[in-house]
Amino acid sequence: MIVVTGSVTARPETFDEVRRLSLEHVHRSRTEPGCISHAVHVDCENPLRLVFFEQWADRTALAAHFKVPASGDFVRALRSLAAGATTLELYDASRIEKL
């Protein structure tokens, strides 16, 4: 499984649009093959920062997601609305059944 984390901090005047676009992206992404989960959350310490958490079946599914034109459009829109750089990190993960 591939875990993706990311974040964007909106400017105060762009937060509503960043939130709207983020939810639209999350809902669309959930319908893609290989998407296990896809969510966006508001940071409790910085209410202008949105944090993404995604789980994908494998690298192939994630690569296909990145090739979807709407995904590229989303990233470009966020960059124009963000207060600073966005973050994106990918992790290879496997489930530990029991400790």
N, C-alpha and C. Protein backbone atom coordinates (compact mmCIF):
# COMPACT_ATOMS: atom_id res chain seq x y z
N MET A 1 0.86 -1.17 0.00
CA MET A 1 0.00 0.00 0.00
C MET A 1 0.90 1.23 0.00
N ILE A 2 0.45 2.27 -0.67
CA ILE A 2 1.14 3.55 -0.69
C ILE A 2 0.32 4.55 0.12
N VAL A 3 0.98 5.23 1.04
CA VAL A 3 0.35 6.27 1.84
C VAL A 3 0.89 7.61 1.35
N VAL A 4 -0.02 8.54 1.12
CA VAL A 4 0.34 9.88 0.67
C VAL A 4 -0.15 10.87 1.71
N THR A 5 0.75 11.77 2.12
CA THR A 5 0.35 12.88 2.97
C THR A 5 0.71 14.17 2.26
N GLY A 6 -0.07 15.18 2.50
CA GLY A 6 0.21 16.47 1.89
C GLY A 6 -0.49 17.56 2.64
N SER A 7 -0.12 18.79 2.34
CA SER A 7 -0.78 19.92 2.97
C SER A 7 -0.69 21.16 2.10
N VAL A 8 -1.61 22.05 2.35
CA VAL A 8 -1.62 23.36 1.72
C VAL A 8 -2.12 24.35 2.75
N THR A 9 -1.49 25.50 2.81
CA THR A 9 -1.95 26.58 3.67
C THR A 9 -2.51 27.66 2.76
N ALA A 10 -3.77 27.97 2.97
CA ALA A 10 -4.46 28.98 2.16
C ALA A 10 -4.22 30.37 2.74
N ARG A 11 -4.36 31.35 1.88
CA ARG A 11 -4.42 32.73 2.37
C ARG A 11 -5.83 32.92 2.94
N PRO A 12 -6.01 33.81 3.90
CA PRO A 12 -7.35 33.97 4.49
C PRO A 12 -8.45 34.19 3.45
N GLU A 13 -8.15 34.96 2.43
CA GLU A 13 -9.18 35.28 1.43
C GLU A 13 -9.40 34.14 0.43
N THR A 14 -8.53 33.12 0.43
CA THR A 14 -8.70 32.01 -0.51
C THR A 14 -9.12 30.71 0.17
N PHE A 15 -9.25 30.72 1.50
CA PHE A 15 -9.52 29.47 2.21
C PHE A 15 -10.78 28.76 1.70
N ASP A 16 -11.86 29.47 1.54
CA ASP A 16 -13.11 28.83 1.12
C ASP A 16 -12.96 28.14 -0.24
N GLU A 17 -12.24 28.77 -1.15
CA GLU A 17 -12.03 28.17 -2.47
C GLU A 17 -11.09 26.97 -2.38
N VAL A 18 -10.04 27.07 -1.57
CA VAL A 18 -9.13 25.94 -1.38
C VAL A 18 -9.90 24.77 -0.78
N ARG A 19 -10.73 25.03 0.20
CA ARG A 19 -11.53 23.96 0.83
C ARG A 19 -12.47 23.33 -0.18
N ARG A 20 -13.16 24.14 -0.96
CA ARG A 20 -14.09 23.63 -1.96
C ARG A 20 -13.37 22.75 -2.99
N LEU A 21 -12.27 23.26 -3.52
CA LEU A 21 -11.51 22.49 -4.51
C LEU A 21 -10.97 21.20 -3.91
N SER A 22 -10.52 21.26 -2.66
CA SER A 22 -9.96 20.08 -2.00
C SER A 22 -11.02 19.00 -1.81
N LEU A 23 -12.19 19.39 -1.37
CA LEU A 23 -13.27 18.41 -1.20
C LEU A 23 -13.69 17.81 -2.54
N GLU A 24 -13.74 18.63 -3.57
CA GLU A 24 -14.07 18.14 -4.90
C GLU A 24 -13.03 17.12 -5.36
N HIS A 25 -11.76 17.42 -5.13
CA HIS A 25 -10.67 16.51 -5.50
C HIS A 25 -10.75 15.19 -4.72
N VAL A 26 -10.99 15.29 -3.43
CA VAL A 26 -11.09 14.10 -2.58
C VAL A 26 -12.24 13.20 -3.06
N HIS A 27 -13.40 13.79 -3.27
CA HIS A 27 -14.56 13.00 -3.68
C HIS A 27 -14.34 12.33 -5.03
N ARG A 28 -13.72 13.04 -5.97
CA ARG A 28 -13.42 12.46 -7.27
C ARG A 28 -12.39 11.34 -7.14
N SER A 29 -11.35 11.59 -6.36
CA SER A 29 -10.27 10.60 -6.21
C SER A 29 -10.76 9.30 -5.60
N ARG A 30 -11.70 9.37 -4.71
CA ARG A 30 -12.23 8.16 -4.07
C ARG A 30 -12.85 7.18 -5.06
N THR A 31 -13.25 7.68 -6.22
CA THR A 31 -13.88 6.81 -7.22
C THR A 31 -12.86 6.13 -8.14
N GLU A 32 -11.59 6.49 -8.02
CA GLU A 32 -10.57 5.95 -8.92
C GLU A 32 -10.15 4.55 -8.51
N PRO A 33 -9.81 3.71 -9.49
CA PRO A 33 -9.33 2.36 -9.18
C PRO A 33 -8.08 2.41 -8.30
N GLY A 34 -8.07 1.58 -7.27
CA GLY A 34 -6.92 1.50 -6.38
C GLY A 34 -6.93 2.48 -5.23
N CYS A 35 -7.90 3.37 -5.17
CA CYS A 35 -7.99 4.30 -4.04
C CYS A 35 -8.64 3.58 -2.86
N ILE A 36 -7.89 3.44 -1.79
CA ILE A 36 -8.42 2.80 -0.58
C ILE A 36 -9.09 3.85 0.29
N SER A 37 -8.45 5.00 0.45
CA SER A 37 -9.06 6.12 1.18
C SER A 37 -8.41 7.41 0.72
N HIS A 38 -9.16 8.48 0.86
CA HIS A 38 -8.67 9.80 0.45
C HIS A 38 -9.45 10.81 1.29
N ALA A 39 -8.74 11.62 2.08
CA ALA A 39 -9.42 12.54 2.97
C ALA A 39 -8.64 13.84 3.09
N VAL A 40 -9.35 14.88 3.47
CA VAL A 40 -8.74 16.18 3.76
C VAL A 40 -9.29 16.66 5.10
N HIS A 41 -8.40 17.26 5.91
CA HIS A 41 -8.76 17.70 7.26
C HIS A 41 -8.21 19.11 7.49
N VAL A 42 -8.89 19.86 8.34
CA VAL A 42 -8.41 21.17 8.76
C VAL A 42 -7.47 20.97 9.94
N ASP A 43 -6.30 21.58 9.89
CA ASP A 43 -5.31 21.52 10.97
C ASP A 43 -5.86 22.26 12.19
N CYS A 44 -5.90 21.60 13.33
CA CYS A 44 -6.43 22.20 14.56
C CYS A 44 -5.58 23.36 15.08
N GLU A 45 -4.30 23.36 14.73
CA GLU A 45 -3.41 24.43 15.20
C GLU A 45 -3.30 25.59 14.21
N ASN A 46 -3.62 25.34 12.96
CA ASN A 46 -3.59 26.39 11.94
C ASN A 46 -4.82 26.19 11.06
N PRO A 47 -5.91 26.89 11.34
CA PRO A 47 -7.15 26.64 10.61
C PRO A 47 -7.12 27.05 9.13
N LEU A 48 -6.02 27.62 8.67
CA LEU A 48 -5.88 27.91 7.24
C LEU A 48 -5.15 26.79 6.50
N ARG A 49 -4.70 25.79 7.25
CA ARG A 49 -3.93 24.68 6.66
C ARG A 49 -4.82 23.45 6.52
N LEU A 50 -4.86 22.89 5.31
CA LEU A 50 -5.57 21.65 5.06
C LEU A 50 -4.55 20.54 4.90
N VAL A 51 -4.85 19.38 5.49
CA VAL A 51 -3.95 18.24 5.47
C VAL A 51 -4.65 17.09 4.76
N PHE A 52 -3.94 16.47 3.83
CA PHE A 52 -4.47 15.35 3.06
C PHE A 52 -3.86 14.05 3.55
N PHE A 53 -4.68 13.00 3.58
CA PHE A 53 -4.22 11.66 3.91
C PHE A 53 -4.87 10.71 2.92
N GLU A 54 -4.02 9.96 2.20
CA GLU A 54 -4.52 9.06 1.16
C GLU A 54 -3.87 7.69 1.32
N GLN A 55 -4.61 6.66 0.93
CA GLN A 55 -4.08 5.30 0.85
C GLN A 55 -4.42 4.76 -0.53
N TRP A 56 -3.38 4.23 -1.21
CA TRP A 56 -3.55 3.67 -2.54
C TRP A 56 -3.07 2.24 -2.55
N ALA A 57 -3.70 1.40 -3.36
CA ALA A 57 -3.37 -0.03 -3.39
C ALA A 57 -1.92 -0.27 -3.76
N ASP A 58 -1.40 0.52 -4.72
CA ASP A 58 -0.02 0.31 -5.17
C ASP A 58 0.43 1.54 -5.95
N ARG A 59 1.68 1.50 -6.38
CA ARG A 59 2.27 2.63 -7.12
C ARG A 59 1.59 2.83 -8.48
N THR A 60 1.14 1.75 -9.08
CA THR A 60 0.47 1.86 -10.37
C THR A 60 -0.82 2.67 -10.25
N ALA A 61 -1.60 2.40 -9.21
CA ALA A 61 -2.84 3.15 -8.99
C ALA A 61 -2.54 4.62 -8.72
N LEU A 62 -1.51 4.88 -7.93
CA LEU A 62 -1.14 6.27 -7.63
C LEU A 62 -0.65 6.99 -8.88
N ALA A 63 0.15 6.31 -9.68
CA ALA A 63 0.64 6.91 -10.93
C ALA A 63 -0.53 7.26 -11.85
N ALA A 64 -1.51 6.37 -11.92
CA ALA A 64 -2.70 6.64 -12.75
C ALA A 64 -3.45 7.86 -12.21
N HIS A 65 -3.54 7.97 -10.89
CA HIS A 65 -4.20 9.12 -10.26
C HIS A 65 -3.50 10.42 -10.65
N PHE A 66 -2.17 10.42 -10.61
CA PHE A 66 -1.42 11.63 -10.95
C PHE A 66 -1.58 12.00 -12.42
N LYS A 67 -1.93 11.03 -13.28
CA LYS A 67 -2.10 11.30 -14.71
C LYS A 67 -3.50 11.81 -15.06
N VAL A 68 -4.44 11.73 -14.13
CA VAL A 68 -5.79 12.23 -14.38
C VAL A 68 -5.70 13.75 -14.57
N PRO A 69 -6.19 14.28 -15.69
CA PRO A 69 -6.08 15.72 -15.93
C PRO A 69 -6.63 16.57 -14.78
N ALA A 70 -7.72 16.14 -14.16
CA ALA A 70 -8.29 16.91 -13.05
C ALA A 70 -7.35 16.99 -11.86
N SER A 71 -6.50 15.97 -11.67
CA SER A 71 -5.53 16.02 -10.58
C SER A 71 -4.50 17.12 -10.82
N GLY A 72 -4.01 17.20 -12.05
CA GLY A 72 -3.07 18.27 -12.40
C GLY A 72 -3.70 19.64 -12.28
N ASP A 73 -4.94 19.76 -12.72
CA ASP A 73 -5.66 21.03 -12.60
C ASP A 73 -5.79 21.44 -11.14
N PHE A 74 -6.08 20.47 -10.29
CA PHE A 74 -6.22 20.73 -8.86
C PHE A 74 -4.92 21.27 -8.27
N VAL A 75 -3.82 20.63 -8.57
CA VAL A 75 -2.52 21.06 -8.04
C VAL A 75 -2.20 22.47 -8.51
N ARG A 76 -2.41 22.75 -9.77
CA ARG A 76 -2.13 24.10 -10.29
C ARG A 76 -3.02 25.15 -9.62
N ALA A 77 -4.28 24.82 -9.41
CA ALA A 77 -5.20 25.77 -8.75
C ALA A 77 -4.76 26.03 -7.32
N LEU A 78 -4.36 24.96 -6.60
CA LEU A 78 -3.92 25.14 -5.21
C LEU A 78 -2.71 26.05 -5.14
N ARG A 79 -1.76 25.83 -6.03
CA ARG A 79 -0.54 26.66 -6.01
C ARG A 79 -0.87 28.13 -6.15
N SER A 80 -1.87 28.46 -6.95
CA SER A 80 -2.22 29.87 -7.14
C SER A 80 -2.97 30.46 -5.95
N LEU A 81 -3.54 29.59 -5.11
CA LEU A 81 -4.33 30.06 -3.97
C LEU A 81 -3.61 29.92 -2.63
N ALA A 82 -2.47 29.27 -2.63
CA ALA A 82 -1.76 28.95 -1.39
C ALA A 82 -0.95 30.14 -0.88
N ALA A 83 -0.75 30.13 0.44
CA ALA A 83 0.08 31.16 1.08
C ALA A 83 1.56 30.85 0.92
N GLY A 84 1.89 29.60 0.64
CA GLY A 84 3.28 29.18 0.48
C GLY A 84 3.31 27.86 -0.26
N ALA A 85 4.43 27.18 -0.16
CA ALA A 85 4.60 25.90 -0.86
C ALA A 85 3.67 24.84 -0.29
N THR A 86 3.19 23.98 -1.17
CA THR A 86 2.42 22.81 -0.74
C THR A 86 3.41 21.69 -0.41
N THR A 87 2.94 20.70 0.34
CA THR A 87 3.79 19.56 0.64
C THR A 87 3.15 18.29 0.09
N LEU A 88 3.98 17.30 -0.21
CA LEU A 88 3.52 16.00 -0.67
C LEU A 88 4.59 14.98 -0.32
N GLU A 89 4.20 13.93 0.40
CA GLU A 89 5.12 12.87 0.78
C GLU A 89 4.48 11.53 0.50
N LEU A 90 5.29 10.59 -0.01
CA LEU A 90 4.81 9.25 -0.33
C LEU A 90 5.54 8.24 0.54
N TYR A 91 4.79 7.22 1.01
CA TYR A 91 5.37 6.19 1.86
C TYR A 91 4.90 4.82 1.38
N ASP A 92 5.81 3.86 1.35
CA ASP A 92 5.45 2.46 1.17
C ASP A 92 5.05 1.95 2.54
N ALA A 93 3.92 1.32 2.65
CA ALA A 93 3.45 0.86 3.97
C ALA A 93 2.89 -0.54 3.88
N SER A 94 3.03 -1.25 4.98
CA SER A 94 2.37 -2.55 5.09
C SER A 94 1.73 -2.61 6.46
N ARG A 95 0.62 -3.29 6.54
CA ARG A 95 -0.14 -3.38 7.77
C ARG A 95 0.51 -4.37 8.73
N ILE A 96 0.61 -3.99 9.98
CA ILE A 96 1.03 -4.89 11.04
C ILE A 96 -0.23 -5.41 11.68
N GLU A 97 -0.48 -6.69 11.56
CA GLU A 97 -1.75 -7.26 12.04
C GLU A 97 -1.94 -7.14 13.53
N LYS A 98 -0.96 -7.55 14.31
CA LYS A 98 -1.08 -7.46 15.77
C LYS A 98 0.30 -7.16 16.34
N LEU A 99 0.29 -6.40 17.39
CA LEU A 99 1.55 -6.09 18.08
C LEU A 99 1.79 -7.06 19.21
